[in-house]
N, C-alpha and C. Protein backbone atom coordinates (compact mmCIF):
# COMPACT_ATOMS: atom_id res chain seq x y z
N MET A 1 83.59 -48.64 -53.85
CA MET A 1 82.48 -48.49 -52.97
C MET A 1 82.73 -48.99 -51.57
N ALA A 2 82.11 -48.54 -50.57
CA ALA A 2 82.43 -49.06 -49.08
C ALA A 2 81.85 -50.32 -49.01
N ALA A 3 82.23 -51.29 -48.12
CA ALA A 3 82.25 -52.75 -47.82
C ALA A 3 80.71 -52.84 -46.97
N PHE A 4 79.69 -53.78 -47.34
CA PHE A 4 78.78 -53.85 -46.01
C PHE A 4 78.86 -54.15 -45.11
N ASP A 5 78.48 -53.56 -44.14
CA ASP A 5 79.01 -53.96 -42.59
C ASP A 5 77.77 -54.47 -41.91
N GLN A 6 77.50 -55.74 -41.82
CA GLN A 6 76.17 -56.51 -41.08
C GLN A 6 76.28 -56.01 -39.98
N THR A 7 77.21 -56.07 -39.28
CA THR A 7 76.93 -55.82 -37.64
C THR A 7 76.33 -54.41 -37.56
N ARG A 8 76.68 -53.44 -38.31
CA ARG A 8 75.90 -52.27 -37.98
C ARG A 8 74.70 -52.03 -38.62
N PHE A 9 74.95 -52.53 -39.69
CA PHE A 9 73.21 -52.68 -40.35
C PHE A 9 72.24 -53.34 -39.46
N GLU A 10 72.64 -54.46 -38.85
CA GLU A 10 71.48 -55.60 -38.05
C GLU A 10 71.27 -54.32 -36.86
N ALA A 11 72.06 -53.77 -36.21
CA ALA A 11 71.90 -53.30 -35.05
C ALA A 11 71.12 -51.75 -35.62
N LEU A 12 71.50 -51.17 -36.53
CA LEU A 12 70.69 -50.02 -37.01
C LEU A 12 69.24 -50.62 -37.03
N VAL A 13 69.16 -51.44 -38.20
CA VAL A 13 67.43 -51.84 -37.94
C VAL A 13 66.99 -52.28 -36.77
N LEU A 14 67.47 -53.27 -35.98
CA LEU A 14 67.01 -53.18 -34.54
C LEU A 14 66.67 -52.02 -34.03
N TRP A 15 67.34 -51.19 -34.21
CA TRP A 15 67.41 -49.79 -33.14
C TRP A 15 66.25 -49.13 -33.39
N ILE A 16 66.06 -48.80 -35.01
CA ILE A 16 65.17 -48.23 -35.64
C ILE A 16 63.79 -48.94 -35.22
N ALA A 17 63.69 -50.33 -35.34
CA ALA A 17 62.45 -51.14 -35.00
C ALA A 17 62.02 -51.05 -33.63
N HIS A 18 63.11 -50.44 -32.91
CA HIS A 18 62.91 -50.12 -30.98
C HIS A 18 62.06 -48.50 -31.33
N GLU A 19 62.68 -48.06 -32.01
CA GLU A 19 62.29 -46.20 -32.02
C GLU A 19 61.06 -46.07 -32.71
N THR A 20 60.61 -47.18 -33.50
CA THR A 20 59.30 -47.08 -34.08
C THR A 20 58.40 -47.90 -33.61
N LYS A 21 58.60 -48.76 -32.56
CA LYS A 21 57.35 -50.19 -32.10
C LYS A 21 56.16 -49.74 -32.08
N ASP A 22 55.93 -48.32 -31.39
CA ASP A 22 54.52 -48.24 -31.23
C ASP A 22 53.96 -47.24 -32.36
N ASP A 23 54.57 -47.28 -33.31
CA ASP A 23 53.97 -46.23 -34.35
C ASP A 23 53.40 -47.77 -35.69
N LYS A 24 52.14 -47.77 -35.44
CA LYS A 24 51.50 -48.99 -36.60
C LYS A 24 51.85 -48.15 -37.78
N ASN A 25 52.27 -47.16 -37.93
CA ASN A 25 52.54 -46.80 -39.61
C ASN A 25 53.56 -46.32 -40.06
N PHE A 26 54.71 -46.87 -39.29
CA PHE A 26 56.24 -46.91 -39.53
C PHE A 26 56.18 -48.12 -39.91
N GLY A 27 56.01 -48.81 -41.23
CA GLY A 27 56.58 -50.20 -41.25
C GLY A 27 58.30 -50.19 -42.26
N ARG A 28 57.90 -51.26 -43.17
CA ARG A 28 59.17 -51.52 -44.14
C ARG A 28 59.28 -50.56 -44.78
N THR A 29 58.67 -49.67 -45.58
CA THR A 29 58.88 -48.74 -46.51
C THR A 29 59.51 -47.53 -46.02
N LYS A 30 58.97 -47.02 -44.68
CA LYS A 30 59.74 -45.82 -44.28
C LYS A 30 60.94 -46.40 -43.37
N LEU A 31 61.24 -47.79 -43.06
CA LEU A 31 62.26 -48.17 -42.50
C LEU A 31 63.27 -48.43 -43.77
N ALA A 32 63.20 -48.77 -44.68
CA ALA A 32 64.01 -48.61 -45.98
C ALA A 32 64.54 -46.94 -46.20
N LYS A 33 63.62 -46.34 -46.38
CA LYS A 33 64.11 -44.69 -46.41
C LYS A 33 65.02 -43.80 -45.42
N VAL A 34 64.46 -44.73 -44.29
CA VAL A 34 65.40 -43.97 -43.26
C VAL A 34 66.80 -44.18 -43.28
N LEU A 35 66.94 -45.85 -43.63
CA LEU A 35 68.23 -46.26 -43.63
C LEU A 35 68.74 -45.73 -45.12
N PHE A 36 68.15 -45.84 -46.58
CA PHE A 36 68.94 -45.10 -47.24
C PHE A 36 69.60 -43.66 -47.15
N TYR A 37 68.84 -42.41 -46.57
CA TYR A 37 68.72 -41.21 -46.73
C TYR A 37 69.76 -41.19 -45.76
N SER A 38 69.99 -42.10 -44.41
CA SER A 38 70.85 -41.72 -43.18
C SER A 38 72.27 -42.35 -44.35
N ASP A 39 72.23 -43.38 -44.77
CA ASP A 39 73.46 -43.94 -45.44
C ASP A 39 74.16 -42.91 -46.42
N PHE A 40 73.15 -42.46 -47.22
CA PHE A 40 73.69 -41.73 -48.24
C PHE A 40 74.39 -40.28 -47.73
N ASP A 41 73.61 -39.81 -46.30
CA ASP A 41 73.80 -38.51 -46.08
C ASP A 41 75.41 -38.68 -45.12
N ALA A 42 75.45 -39.73 -44.44
CA ALA A 42 76.60 -40.04 -44.07
C ALA A 42 78.00 -40.19 -45.13
N TYR A 43 77.62 -40.59 -46.13
CA TYR A 43 78.45 -40.70 -47.36
C TYR A 43 78.85 -39.58 -47.75
N ARG A 44 77.71 -38.58 -48.11
CA ARG A 44 77.96 -37.27 -48.75
C ARG A 44 78.79 -36.46 -47.73
N GLU A 45 78.94 -36.59 -46.48
CA GLU A 45 79.61 -35.70 -45.22
C GLU A 45 80.79 -36.52 -45.13
N THR A 46 81.08 -37.66 -45.28
CA THR A 46 82.41 -38.20 -44.67
C THR A 46 82.88 -38.84 -45.82
N GLY A 47 82.26 -39.26 -46.99
CA GLY A 47 83.06 -40.26 -47.70
C GLY A 47 82.57 -41.60 -47.47
N SER A 48 82.21 -42.08 -46.27
CA SER A 48 81.89 -43.24 -45.94
C SER A 48 80.43 -43.43 -45.43
N PRO A 49 79.35 -44.55 -45.93
CA PRO A 49 78.10 -44.64 -45.55
C PRO A 49 78.05 -45.18 -44.08
N LEU A 50 76.90 -45.06 -43.64
CA LEU A 50 76.91 -45.90 -42.27
C LEU A 50 76.95 -47.44 -42.28
N THR A 51 76.27 -47.79 -43.30
CA THR A 51 76.21 -49.47 -42.76
C THR A 51 77.05 -50.06 -44.35
N GLY A 52 76.98 -49.40 -45.94
CA GLY A 52 77.45 -49.85 -46.77
C GLY A 52 76.52 -50.63 -47.47
N ALA A 53 75.36 -50.54 -46.98
CA ALA A 53 74.15 -51.49 -47.76
C ALA A 53 74.45 -50.96 -49.13
N THR A 54 73.60 -51.91 -50.02
CA THR A 54 73.21 -51.91 -51.54
C THR A 54 72.01 -51.77 -51.84
N TYR A 55 71.76 -50.18 -52.09
CA TYR A 55 70.19 -49.75 -52.16
C TYR A 55 69.86 -49.80 -53.75
N GLU A 56 68.73 -50.28 -53.94
CA GLU A 56 68.19 -50.69 -55.54
C GLU A 56 66.88 -50.23 -55.80
N ARG A 57 66.93 -49.61 -57.16
CA ARG A 57 65.46 -49.08 -57.22
C ARG A 57 64.29 -50.00 -57.04
N TRP A 58 63.54 -50.02 -56.05
CA TRP A 58 62.28 -50.91 -56.16
C TRP A 58 61.31 -49.97 -56.60
N GLN A 59 60.09 -50.45 -56.50
CA GLN A 59 58.66 -49.75 -57.08
C GLN A 59 58.28 -48.71 -55.84
N TYR A 60 58.63 -48.93 -54.70
CA TYR A 60 58.20 -47.77 -53.51
C TYR A 60 59.31 -46.98 -53.17
N GLY A 61 60.52 -46.97 -54.02
CA GLY A 61 61.57 -46.29 -53.64
C GLY A 61 62.77 -47.24 -53.32
N PRO A 62 63.86 -46.71 -52.92
CA PRO A 62 65.22 -47.03 -52.57
C PRO A 62 64.96 -48.18 -51.48
N PHE A 63 65.62 -49.05 -51.74
CA PHE A 63 65.54 -50.41 -51.06
C PHE A 63 66.80 -51.10 -50.78
N PRO A 64 66.99 -51.29 -49.52
CA PRO A 64 68.50 -51.90 -49.24
C PRO A 64 68.37 -53.35 -49.43
N LYS A 65 68.83 -54.20 -50.60
CA LYS A 65 68.98 -55.32 -50.94
C LYS A 65 68.88 -56.64 -49.87
N GLU A 66 70.09 -56.09 -48.74
CA GLU A 66 70.55 -57.18 -47.66
C GLU A 66 69.21 -57.00 -46.48
N LEU A 67 68.40 -56.09 -46.64
CA LEU A 67 67.35 -55.87 -45.54
C LEU A 67 66.46 -57.26 -45.39
N VAL A 68 66.19 -57.91 -46.41
CA VAL A 68 65.23 -59.21 -46.59
C VAL A 68 66.15 -60.10 -45.57
N GLU A 69 67.42 -60.30 -45.80
CA GLU A 69 68.15 -61.35 -45.27
C GLU A 69 68.25 -61.22 -43.80
N VAL A 70 68.58 -60.03 -43.58
CA VAL A 70 68.78 -59.54 -42.34
C VAL A 70 67.44 -59.47 -41.16
N GLU A 71 66.25 -59.38 -41.68
CA GLU A 71 65.12 -59.67 -41.02
C GLU A 71 64.84 -61.11 -40.78
N ARG A 72 65.26 -61.80 -41.90
CA ARG A 72 65.11 -63.44 -41.58
C ARG A 72 65.90 -63.78 -40.28
N GLY A 73 67.20 -63.03 -40.58
CA GLY A 73 68.46 -63.67 -39.51
C GLY A 73 67.63 -63.24 -38.27
N LEU A 74 67.65 -62.06 -37.98
CA LEU A 74 67.05 -61.43 -36.87
C LEU A 74 65.94 -62.28 -36.24
N ALA A 75 65.02 -62.43 -37.10
CA ALA A 75 63.56 -63.63 -36.59
C ALA A 75 64.18 -64.74 -36.67
N ALA A 76 65.20 -65.41 -37.07
CA ALA A 76 65.66 -66.71 -36.51
C ALA A 76 66.40 -66.79 -35.41
N SER A 77 67.01 -65.50 -34.86
CA SER A 77 67.71 -65.66 -34.05
C SER A 77 66.70 -65.08 -32.85
N ASP A 78 65.45 -65.15 -32.95
CA ASP A 78 64.47 -64.30 -32.00
C ASP A 78 64.63 -63.31 -31.46
N MET A 79 65.28 -62.37 -32.28
CA MET A 79 65.32 -61.14 -31.70
C MET A 79 64.59 -60.05 -32.41
N VAL A 80 63.53 -60.59 -33.17
CA VAL A 80 62.56 -59.60 -33.51
C VAL A 80 61.40 -61.07 -34.03
N THR A 81 60.25 -60.30 -34.35
CA THR A 81 59.20 -61.03 -34.91
C THR A 81 58.82 -60.11 -36.14
N LEU A 82 58.44 -60.73 -37.36
CA LEU A 82 58.27 -60.23 -38.60
C LEU A 82 56.80 -60.21 -38.80
N ASP A 83 56.15 -59.32 -39.00
CA ASP A 83 54.46 -58.90 -38.68
C ASP A 83 54.26 -58.63 -40.31
N TYR A 84 54.07 -59.92 -41.11
CA TYR A 84 54.00 -59.68 -42.12
C TYR A 84 52.55 -60.27 -43.01
N ASP A 85 51.65 -60.03 -42.27
CA ASP A 85 50.40 -60.45 -42.68
C ASP A 85 49.40 -59.66 -43.30
N VAL A 86 50.14 -58.70 -44.02
CA VAL A 86 49.63 -57.47 -45.08
C VAL A 86 50.55 -57.69 -46.46
N PRO A 87 49.90 -57.04 -47.09
CA PRO A 87 50.21 -57.14 -48.50
C PRO A 87 51.86 -56.14 -48.43
N ASP A 88 52.31 -55.70 -49.66
CA ASP A 88 53.58 -55.01 -49.27
C ASP A 88 53.26 -53.72 -49.09
N GLY A 89 54.05 -52.75 -48.64
CA GLY A 89 54.24 -51.64 -48.11
C GLY A 89 54.23 -51.49 -46.71
N ASP A 90 53.95 -50.28 -46.14
CA ASP A 90 54.01 -50.21 -44.83
C ASP A 90 53.36 -51.15 -43.62
N GLY A 91 52.34 -51.72 -44.06
CA GLY A 91 51.98 -52.80 -43.16
C GLY A 91 53.09 -53.65 -42.84
N LYS A 92 53.97 -54.10 -43.47
CA LYS A 92 54.98 -55.22 -42.95
C LYS A 92 55.79 -54.34 -41.62
N LYS A 93 56.08 -55.15 -40.75
CA LYS A 93 56.91 -54.33 -39.92
C LYS A 93 57.79 -55.72 -39.09
N ILE A 94 58.87 -54.64 -38.34
CA ILE A 94 59.51 -55.57 -37.62
C ILE A 94 59.26 -55.45 -36.39
N ARG A 95 59.12 -56.38 -35.48
CA ARG A 95 58.86 -55.85 -34.39
C ARG A 95 59.83 -56.85 -33.08
N PRO A 96 60.41 -55.74 -32.33
CA PRO A 96 61.93 -56.35 -31.62
C PRO A 96 61.38 -57.10 -30.35
N LEU A 97 62.22 -58.10 -29.84
CA LEU A 97 61.78 -58.82 -28.76
C LEU A 97 63.09 -58.88 -27.79
N VAL A 98 63.95 -58.26 -28.40
CA VAL A 98 65.31 -57.89 -27.33
C VAL A 98 65.35 -56.43 -27.03
N GLU A 99 66.11 -56.22 -25.97
CA GLU A 99 66.39 -54.84 -25.56
C GLU A 99 67.05 -53.93 -26.61
N GLN A 100 66.63 -52.63 -26.91
CA GLN A 100 67.18 -51.81 -27.77
C GLN A 100 68.70 -51.62 -27.89
N PRO A 101 69.46 -51.70 -28.95
CA PRO A 101 70.76 -52.00 -28.77
C PRO A 101 71.34 -50.68 -28.36
N ASP A 102 72.63 -50.55 -27.96
CA ASP A 102 73.64 -49.37 -27.79
C ASP A 102 74.16 -49.26 -29.14
N LEU A 103 74.09 -48.09 -29.95
CA LEU A 103 74.80 -48.03 -30.82
C LEU A 103 76.21 -46.88 -30.81
N SER A 104 76.08 -46.24 -29.36
CA SER A 104 77.40 -45.72 -29.38
C SER A 104 78.66 -46.12 -29.55
N SER A 105 78.89 -47.39 -29.66
CA SER A 105 80.20 -47.80 -30.07
C SER A 105 80.45 -48.08 -31.62
N LEU A 106 79.26 -47.83 -32.26
CA LEU A 106 78.98 -48.39 -33.76
C LEU A 106 78.99 -47.06 -34.55
N PHE A 107 78.71 -45.95 -33.89
CA PHE A 107 78.26 -44.69 -34.75
C PHE A 107 78.55 -43.52 -34.11
N GLU A 108 78.71 -42.41 -34.67
CA GLU A 108 79.06 -41.40 -33.78
C GLU A 108 77.66 -40.52 -33.41
N THR A 109 77.78 -39.60 -32.39
CA THR A 109 76.45 -38.91 -32.18
C THR A 109 75.63 -38.41 -33.35
N TRP A 110 76.39 -37.73 -33.82
CA TRP A 110 75.65 -36.88 -35.23
C TRP A 110 75.09 -37.87 -36.04
N GLN A 111 75.70 -39.10 -36.41
CA GLN A 111 74.95 -40.25 -37.06
C GLN A 111 73.60 -40.58 -36.39
N ILE A 112 73.67 -40.79 -35.48
CA ILE A 112 72.63 -41.19 -34.77
C ILE A 112 71.63 -40.40 -34.98
N GLU A 113 71.95 -39.41 -34.35
CA GLU A 113 70.75 -38.02 -34.67
C GLU A 113 70.05 -37.79 -35.96
N ASN A 114 70.90 -38.04 -36.82
CA ASN A 114 70.51 -37.80 -38.26
C ASN A 114 69.52 -38.83 -38.62
N VAL A 115 69.43 -40.16 -38.06
CA VAL A 115 68.45 -41.34 -38.41
C VAL A 115 67.28 -40.90 -37.58
N ARG A 116 67.48 -40.32 -36.47
CA ARG A 116 66.25 -39.65 -35.47
C ARG A 116 65.54 -38.52 -36.23
N ILE A 117 66.51 -37.65 -37.22
CA ILE A 117 65.62 -36.74 -37.84
C ILE A 117 64.87 -37.24 -38.89
N TYR A 118 65.37 -38.32 -39.52
CA TYR A 118 64.41 -39.05 -40.63
C TYR A 118 63.43 -39.68 -40.04
N ILE A 119 63.24 -40.51 -38.98
CA ILE A 119 62.23 -41.02 -38.36
C ILE A 119 61.29 -40.19 -37.84
N ARG A 120 61.44 -38.88 -37.34
CA ARG A 120 60.54 -38.04 -37.17
C ARG A 120 60.19 -37.16 -38.16
N GLN A 121 60.88 -37.03 -39.54
CA GLN A 121 60.13 -36.58 -40.57
C GLN A 121 59.13 -37.35 -40.89
N PHE A 122 59.60 -38.79 -41.31
CA PHE A 122 58.64 -39.65 -41.91
C PHE A 122 57.47 -40.05 -41.19
N ARG A 123 57.74 -40.08 -39.66
CA ARG A 123 56.26 -40.10 -39.04
C ARG A 123 55.17 -39.33 -39.58
N GLU A 124 55.58 -38.28 -39.72
CA GLU A 124 54.49 -37.07 -39.77
C GLU A 124 54.03 -37.14 -41.27
N GLN A 125 54.73 -37.94 -42.30
CA GLN A 125 54.00 -38.29 -43.81
C GLN A 125 53.51 -39.65 -43.66
N THR A 126 52.90 -39.62 -44.61
CA THR A 126 52.24 -40.84 -45.01
C THR A 126 53.10 -41.78 -45.90
N THR A 127 52.99 -43.24 -45.78
CA THR A 127 53.88 -43.89 -46.59
C THR A 127 54.09 -43.70 -47.96
N LYS A 128 52.85 -43.25 -48.73
CA LYS A 128 52.77 -42.81 -50.04
C LYS A 128 53.75 -41.65 -50.18
N ARG A 129 53.79 -40.90 -49.29
CA ARG A 129 54.41 -39.35 -49.40
C ARG A 129 55.43 -39.49 -49.13
N VAL A 130 56.11 -40.61 -48.39
CA VAL A 130 57.62 -40.56 -48.33
C VAL A 130 58.41 -41.70 -49.64
N SER A 131 57.43 -42.40 -50.05
CA SER A 131 57.59 -43.48 -51.19
C SER A 131 57.76 -42.41 -52.34
N ASP A 132 56.67 -41.41 -52.78
CA ASP A 132 56.75 -40.70 -53.89
C ASP A 132 57.86 -39.86 -53.86
N GLU A 133 58.18 -39.41 -52.66
CA GLU A 133 59.34 -38.06 -52.48
C GLU A 133 60.70 -38.76 -52.87
N SER A 134 61.02 -39.90 -52.39
CA SER A 134 62.14 -40.85 -52.78
C SER A 134 62.18 -41.13 -54.20
N HIS A 135 61.03 -40.99 -54.81
CA HIS A 135 61.29 -40.99 -56.23
C HIS A 135 61.68 -39.84 -56.73
N ASP A 136 62.09 -38.62 -56.23
CA ASP A 136 62.73 -37.40 -56.75
C ASP A 136 63.99 -37.39 -56.74
N HIS A 137 64.53 -38.29 -55.76
CA HIS A 137 66.28 -38.53 -55.71
C HIS A 137 66.92 -38.81 -56.84
N LEU A 138 67.57 -38.13 -57.31
CA LEU A 138 68.19 -38.39 -58.63
C LEU A 138 68.88 -39.70 -58.96
N GLY A 139 69.35 -40.10 -57.76
CA GLY A 139 70.14 -41.59 -57.65
C GLY A 139 68.97 -42.76 -58.18
N TRP A 140 67.73 -42.26 -57.27
CA TRP A 140 66.64 -43.29 -57.92
C TRP A 140 66.31 -43.10 -59.38
N ARG A 141 66.06 -42.08 -59.65
CA ARG A 141 65.58 -41.73 -60.99
C ARG A 141 66.69 -42.19 -62.04
N MET A 142 67.94 -42.05 -61.58
CA MET A 142 68.96 -42.66 -62.84
C MET A 142 68.95 -44.13 -62.93
N ALA A 143 68.49 -44.62 -61.89
CA ALA A 143 68.49 -46.21 -61.93
C ALA A 143 67.36 -47.07 -62.57
N ARG A 144 67.76 -47.96 -62.87
CA ARG A 144 66.54 -48.91 -63.66
C ARG A 144 66.17 -49.60 -62.61
N GLU A 145 64.90 -50.19 -62.62
CA GLU A 145 64.28 -51.24 -61.79
C GLU A 145 65.18 -52.00 -61.35
N LEU A 146 65.58 -52.28 -60.02
CA LEU A 146 66.20 -53.18 -59.39
C LEU A 146 67.63 -53.30 -59.48
N GLN A 147 68.21 -51.98 -59.87
CA GLN A 147 69.62 -51.53 -60.23
C GLN A 147 70.07 -50.95 -58.94
N THR A 148 71.45 -51.17 -58.87
CA THR A 148 71.95 -50.38 -57.91
C THR A 148 72.25 -49.02 -58.00
N ILE A 149 71.63 -48.22 -56.62
CA ILE A 149 72.18 -46.70 -56.49
C ILE A 149 73.10 -46.48 -56.19
N PRO A 150 74.26 -45.71 -56.96
CA PRO A 150 75.52 -45.52 -56.54
C PRO A 150 75.53 -44.54 -55.26
N TYR A 151 76.45 -45.01 -54.31
CA TYR A 151 76.58 -43.94 -53.25
C TYR A 151 76.88 -42.22 -53.60
N GLU A 152 77.86 -42.43 -54.48
CA GLU A 152 77.94 -41.00 -55.41
C GLU A 152 76.74 -40.22 -55.77
N ALA A 153 75.92 -40.61 -56.08
CA ALA A 153 74.64 -40.14 -56.42
C ALA A 153 73.81 -38.91 -55.26
N SER A 154 74.75 -39.27 -53.91
CA SER A 154 74.52 -38.35 -52.78
C SER A 154 74.95 -36.97 -52.75
N PHE A 155 75.81 -36.92 -54.04
CA PHE A 155 76.61 -35.55 -54.49
C PHE A 155 75.65 -34.76 -55.47
N LEU A 156 74.63 -35.47 -56.11
CA LEU A 156 73.84 -34.57 -57.29
C LEU A 156 73.03 -33.63 -56.14
N PRO A 157 72.69 -32.79 -56.88
CA PRO A 157 71.87 -31.57 -56.40
C PRO A 157 70.49 -31.89 -56.10
N SER A 158 70.01 -31.76 -55.19
CA SER A 158 68.84 -32.14 -54.72
C SER A 158 67.51 -31.17 -55.50
N GLY A 159 67.73 -29.86 -56.04
CA GLY A 159 66.68 -29.08 -56.41
C GLY A 159 67.81 -28.02 -57.48
N PRO A 160 66.98 -27.04 -58.08
CA PRO A 160 67.93 -26.24 -59.35
C PRO A 160 68.85 -25.37 -58.51
N PRO A 161 69.84 -25.19 -59.19
CA PRO A 161 70.77 -24.37 -58.61
C PRO A 161 70.42 -23.17 -58.22
N ARG A 162 71.00 -22.37 -57.12
CA ARG A 162 71.11 -21.49 -56.86
C ARG A 162 71.52 -20.31 -57.74
N ASP A 163 70.94 -18.88 -57.59
CA ASP A 163 71.40 -17.96 -58.66
C ASP A 163 73.01 -17.99 -58.23
N ASP A 164 73.69 -17.81 -57.12
CA ASP A 164 75.03 -17.82 -56.89
C ASP A 164 76.16 -18.81 -57.92
N GLN A 165 75.21 -20.10 -57.82
CA GLN A 165 75.97 -21.47 -58.38
C GLN A 165 76.08 -21.25 -59.78
N VAL A 166 74.87 -20.81 -60.32
CA VAL A 166 74.61 -20.04 -61.63
C VAL A 166 75.71 -19.31 -62.20
N GLU A 167 75.67 -17.94 -61.43
CA GLU A 167 77.05 -17.36 -61.44
C GLU A 167 78.07 -17.79 -61.91
N ARG A 168 78.57 -18.67 -60.92
CA ARG A 168 79.93 -19.06 -60.53
C ARG A 168 79.96 -19.87 -61.40
N GLY A 169 79.09 -20.83 -61.93
CA GLY A 169 79.46 -21.92 -63.19
C GLY A 169 79.48 -21.03 -64.40
N THR A 170 79.08 -20.10 -64.76
CA THR A 170 79.14 -19.16 -65.78
C THR A 170 80.64 -18.52 -65.99
N GLN A 171 80.96 -18.18 -64.63
CA GLN A 171 82.40 -17.33 -64.41
C GLN A 171 83.00 -18.28 -64.86
N ILE A 172 83.20 -19.85 -64.51
CA ILE A 172 84.40 -21.19 -64.78
C ILE A 172 84.11 -21.34 -66.21
N ALA A 173 82.89 -21.19 -66.75
CA ALA A 173 82.78 -21.42 -68.36
C ALA A 173 83.51 -20.91 -69.03
N ARG A 174 83.31 -19.20 -68.76
CA ARG A 174 83.93 -17.96 -69.33
C ARG A 174 85.45 -18.14 -69.24
N GLU A 175 86.02 -18.57 -68.26
CA GLU A 175 87.71 -18.55 -67.82
C GLU A 175 87.92 -20.06 -68.48
N ARG A 176 87.23 -20.51 -68.84
CA ARG A 176 88.00 -21.93 -69.49
C ARG A 176 87.67 -21.98 -71.16
N GLY A 177 86.94 -21.07 -71.62
CA GLY A 177 86.49 -21.14 -73.02
C GLY A 177 85.33 -21.63 -73.32
N TRP A 178 84.65 -22.15 -72.72
CA TRP A 178 83.60 -22.98 -72.89
C TRP A 178 82.26 -22.40 -73.33
N LEU A 179 82.31 -20.71 -73.04
CA LEU A 179 81.37 -20.13 -72.94
C LEU A 179 81.83 -18.57 -73.30
N THR A 180 81.27 -17.96 -74.81
CA THR A 180 81.56 -16.67 -74.76
C THR A 180 80.43 -15.81 -74.96
N ASP A 181 80.42 -14.48 -75.44
CA ASP A 181 79.54 -13.57 -75.56
C ASP A 181 78.24 -14.47 -76.48
N GLU A 182 79.09 -15.19 -77.48
CA GLU A 182 78.31 -15.41 -78.62
C GLU A 182 77.40 -16.77 -78.34
N ALA A 183 78.38 -17.55 -77.60
CA ALA A 183 77.30 -18.95 -77.69
C ALA A 183 78.27 -19.81 -76.61
N TRP A 184 77.58 -20.89 -76.22
CA TRP A 184 78.53 -22.33 -75.69
C TRP A 184 79.31 -22.75 -76.64
N ILE A 185 80.68 -23.53 -76.30
CA ILE A 185 81.56 -23.68 -77.13
C ILE A 185 80.71 -25.16 -78.25
N TRP A 186 79.79 -25.62 -77.61
CA TRP A 186 79.32 -26.82 -78.85
C TRP A 186 78.28 -26.07 -79.70
N GLU A 187 77.96 -24.99 -79.08
CA GLU A 187 76.94 -24.36 -80.12
C GLU A 187 77.70 -23.77 -81.58
N ARG A 188 78.70 -23.38 -81.01
CA ARG A 188 79.80 -22.64 -81.99
C ARG A 188 79.89 -23.53 -82.99
N GLU A 189 80.30 -24.80 -82.54
CA GLU A 189 81.14 -26.04 -83.60
C GLU A 189 79.91 -26.27 -84.15
N SER A 190 78.73 -26.47 -83.61
CA SER A 190 77.93 -27.13 -84.79
C SER A 190 77.35 -26.16 -86.05
N THR A 191 77.55 -25.05 -85.77
CA THR A 191 77.05 -24.11 -86.92
C THR A 191 78.06 -23.69 -88.08
């Protein structure tokens, strides 16, 4: 697993806080999902996540366990204020007090654009919908409460296989002797 890069994580959290500062409906739940999907997309594409954060299965979806400490650290450094006068969920918000960081030395352009795509997508959805849809991610589904979601889950399919994938899988199974005209190998052995 990739090591956690606190500098990149803090910069990305602060940058997202700036990008969403005027959106009262973009709070901690959506922030956590932007981080999750962006990290997992980068891992799937390059083999390395953006930040290396550890995502756990929480009630409202994947959540980076490092976020709580990073929020406190940014607040202690007077870089943000934490608007937590509300119960859990989207009401909790990080409000930036310093200028937006320049991410160009930390991330590639496509990585920043991918983060922007998730921000735009989640702005148009309710927090409940963003949370509910994150529960469909196979990594979240296979983890137990507060268990780590492995980055390798980014390679799991997000939907049923296409017809061409089924045909190719069937072809490989026949070539390897796992499937004959009669049945799958385990079905033949159990009879």
